[in-house]
Amino acid sequence: MKYPKKIRTYCPKCRKHTQHTVKVVKKRGRGTAHPMSKSARQKDRMKRGYGGHGKFSKPAVSKKPTQKVDMRLQCDVCKKMHTRGTGFRVKKFELV
């Protein structure tokens, strides 16, 4: 999919339509979760001692065919960066 490098869209900071620069950032994986989050503490507790590790002994399910594009829009006026929606799935993404 080809997408323009600059688009004119609404800026929530300026509260009006302005020119925005489109940037694609790398999606953060599951390993970047906070080390003391509830699931991380639960995993550490399950991994202690003998026996199975419950839900942590199963392989991660990754059967999705494509990655979601994490697209950020930066306002050229106030330099505030924001996202639009939750992204979309596409095999190829190119800024033109």
C-alpha atoms as a PDB file:
ATOM      1  CA  MET A   1       0.000   0.000   0.000  1.00  0.00           C
ATOM      2  CA  LYS A   2       1.330   3.422  -0.894  1.00  0.00           C
ATOM      3  CA  TYR A   3       0.619   6.287   1.489  1.00  0.00           C
ATOM      4  CA  PRO A   4       1.590   9.978   1.174  1.00  0.00           C
ATOM      5  CA  LYS A   5       4.385  11.374   3.392  1.00  0.00           C
ATOM      6  CA  LYS A   6       2.396  14.532   4.152  1.00  0.00           C
ATOM      7  CA  ILE A   7      -1.356  14.735   4.686  1.00  0.00           C
ATOM      8  CA  ARG A   8      -3.714  17.464   5.808  1.00  0.00           C
ATOM      9  CA  THR A   9      -5.767  16.261   8.774  1.00  0.00           C
ATOM     10  CA  TYR A  10      -7.166  17.333  12.152  1.00  0.00           C
ATOM     11  CA  CYS A  11      -4.714  18.145  14.962  1.00  0.00           C
ATOM     12  CA  PRO A  12      -6.198  17.667  18.470  1.00  0.00           C
ATOM     13  CA  LYS A  13      -3.654  20.092  19.981  1.00  0.00           C
ATOM     14  CA  CYS A  14      -4.204  22.954  17.484  1.00  0.00           C
ATOM     15  CA  ARG A  15      -7.915  22.056  17.203  1.00  0.00           C
ATOM     16  CA  LYS A  16      -7.918  22.611  13.457  1.00  0.00           C
ATOM     17  CA  HIS A  17      -6.841  20.946  10.225  1.00  0.00           C
ATOM     18  CA  THR A  18      -3.104  21.304   9.566  1.00  0.00           C
ATOM     19  CA  GLN A  19      -0.384  19.652   7.507  1.00  0.00           C
ATOM     20  CA  HIS A  20       0.978  16.472   9.112  1.00  0.00           C
ATOM     21  CA  THR A  21       4.096  14.393   8.461  1.00  0.00           C
ATOM     22  CA  VAL A  22       3.460  10.647   8.430  1.00  0.00           C
ATOM     23  CA  LYS A  23       5.981   8.404  10.217  1.00  0.00           C
ATOM     24  CA  VAL A  24       5.969   4.647  10.633  1.00  0.00           C
ATOM     25  CA  VAL A  25       7.462   3.367  13.880  1.00  0.00           C
ATOM     26  CA  LYS A  26       8.394  -0.176  14.767  1.00  0.00           C
ATOM     27  CA  LYS A  27       5.702  -2.056  16.680  1.00  0.00           C
ATOM     28  CA  ARG A  28       6.657  -2.914  20.250  1.00  0.00           C
ATOM     29  CA  GLY A  29       6.679  -6.626  20.889  1.00  0.00           C
ATOM     30  CA  ARG A  30       5.398  -8.666  23.799  1.00  0.00           C
ATOM     31  CA  GLY A  31       8.846  -8.672  25.435  1.00  0.00           C
ATOM     32  CA  THR A  32       8.758  -4.937  26.090  1.00  0.00           C
ATOM     33  CA  ALA A  33       6.127  -5.247  28.838  1.00  0.00           C
ATOM     34  CA  HIS A  34       6.925  -3.686  32.198  1.00  0.00           C
ATOM     35  CA  PRO A  35       9.087  -6.089  34.294  1.00  0.00           C
ATOM     36  CA  MET A  36       6.895  -5.747  37.388  1.00  0.00           C
ATOM     37  CA  SER A  37       3.511  -5.938  35.664  1.00  0.00           C
ATOM     38  CA  LYS A  38       0.896  -8.352  36.995  1.00  0.00           C
ATOM     39  CA  SER A  39       1.539 -10.907  34.247  1.00  0.00           C
ATOM     40  CA  ALA A  40       5.324 -10.726  34.770  1.00  0.00           C
ATOM     41  CA  ARG A  41       4.940 -11.339  38.519  1.00  0.00           C
ATOM     42  CA  GLN A  42       2.534 -14.191  37.821  1.00  0.00           C
ATOM     43  CA  LYS A  43       4.990 -15.736  35.356  1.00  0.00           C
ATOM     44  CA  ASP A  44       7.860 -15.539  37.873  1.00  0.00           C
ATOM     45  CA  ARG A  45       5.658 -17.196  40.514  1.00  0.00           C
ATOM     46  CA  MET A  46       4.631 -20.017  38.148  1.00  0.00           C
ATOM     47  CA  LYS A  47       8.201 -20.673  36.973  1.00  0.00           C
ATOM     48  CA  ARG A  48       9.439 -21.437  40.525  1.00  0.00           C
ATOM     49  CA  GLY A  49       9.782 -25.034  41.714  1.00  0.00           C
ATOM     50  CA  TYR A  50       8.689 -28.227  40.000  1.00  0.00           C
ATOM     51  CA  GLY A  51       5.763 -29.006  37.728  1.00  0.00           C
ATOM     52  CA  GLY A  52       4.215 -27.350  34.749  1.00  0.00           C
ATOM     53  CA  HIS A  53       4.070 -23.627  34.239  1.00  0.00           C
ATOM     54  CA  GLY A  54       0.361 -23.385  33.388  1.00  0.00           C
ATOM     55  CA  LYS A  55      -0.473 -20.959  30.606  1.00  0.00           C
ATOM     56  CA  PHE A  56       3.195 -19.933  30.352  1.00  0.00           C
ATOM     57  CA  SER A  57       4.277 -23.376  29.132  1.00  0.00           C
ATOM     58  CA  LYS A  58       2.228 -23.064  25.941  1.00  0.00           C
ATOM     59  CA  PRO A  59       3.774 -21.467  22.843  1.00  0.00           C
ATOM     60  CA  ALA A  60       2.638 -17.958  21.945  1.00  0.00           C
ATOM     61  CA  VAL A  61      -0.092 -17.941  19.291  1.00  0.00           C
ATOM     62  CA  SER A  62       1.056 -15.946  16.282  1.00  0.00           C
ATOM     63  CA  LYS A  63      -1.018 -17.143  13.337  1.00  0.00           C
ATOM     64  CA  LYS A  64      -1.861 -13.668  12.031  1.00  0.00           C
ATOM     65  CA  PRO A  65      -0.786 -13.271   8.390  1.00  0.00           C
ATOM     66  CA  THR A  66       0.408  -9.648   8.630  1.00  0.00           C
ATOM     67  CA  GLN A  67       1.652  -7.078  11.141  1.00  0.00           C
ATOM     68  CA  LYS A  68      -0.338  -3.974  11.961  1.00  0.00           C
ATOM     69  CA  VAL A  69       1.159  -0.709  10.707  1.00  0.00           C
ATOM     70  CA  ASP A  70       1.914   1.654  13.607  1.00  0.00           C
ATOM     71  CA  MET A  71       1.548   5.008  11.904  1.00  0.00           C
ATOM     72  CA  ARG A  72       2.183   8.312  13.725  1.00  0.00           C
ATOM     73  CA  LEU A  73       1.142  11.741  12.498  1.00  0.00           C
ATOM     74  CA  GLN A  74       3.247  14.775  13.483  1.00  0.00           C
ATOM     75  CA  CYS A  75       1.729  18.232  13.156  1.00  0.00           C
ATOM     76  CA  ASP A  76       3.980  20.633  11.229  1.00  0.00           C
ATOM     77  CA  VAL A  77       2.690  23.611  13.265  1.00  0.00           C
ATOM     78  CA  CYS A  78       2.893  22.456  16.914  1.00  0.00           C
ATOM     79  CA  LYS A  79       5.098  19.345  16.381  1.00  0.00           C
ATOM     80  CA  LYS A  80       2.673  17.272  18.462  1.00  0.00           C
ATOM     81  CA  MET A  81       2.567  13.596  17.438  1.00  0.00           C
ATOM     82  CA  HIS A  82      -0.606  11.492  17.547  1.00  0.00           C
ATOM     83  CA  THR A  83      -2.001   8.304  16.063  1.00  0.00           C
ATOM     84  CA  ARG A  84      -5.122   7.703  14.039  1.00  0.00           C
ATOM     85  CA  GLY A  85      -7.192   4.703  15.139  1.00  0.00           C
ATOM     86  CA  THR A  86      -5.577   1.375  15.983  1.00  0.00           C
ATOM     87  CA  GLY A  87      -3.688   0.873  12.715  1.00  0.00           C
ATOM     88  CA  PHE A  88      -4.456  -1.517   9.898  1.00  0.00           C
ATOM     89  CA  ARG A  89      -3.093  -4.786   8.528  1.00  0.00           C
ATOM     90  CA  VAL A  90      -1.189  -4.687   5.271  1.00  0.00           C
ATOM     91  CA  LYS A  91       1.622  -6.812   3.836  1.00  0.00           C
ATOM     92  CA  LYS A  92       3.597  -3.962   2.263  1.00  0.00           C
ATOM     93  CA  PHE A  93       3.504  -0.347   3.421  1.00  0.00           C
ATOM     94  CA  GLU A  94       5.384   2.397   1.585  1.00  0.00           C
ATOM     95  CA  LEU A  95       5.481   6.156   2.142  1.00  0.00           C
ATOM     96  CA  VAL A  96       5.461   8.004  -1.175  1.00  0.00           C
END
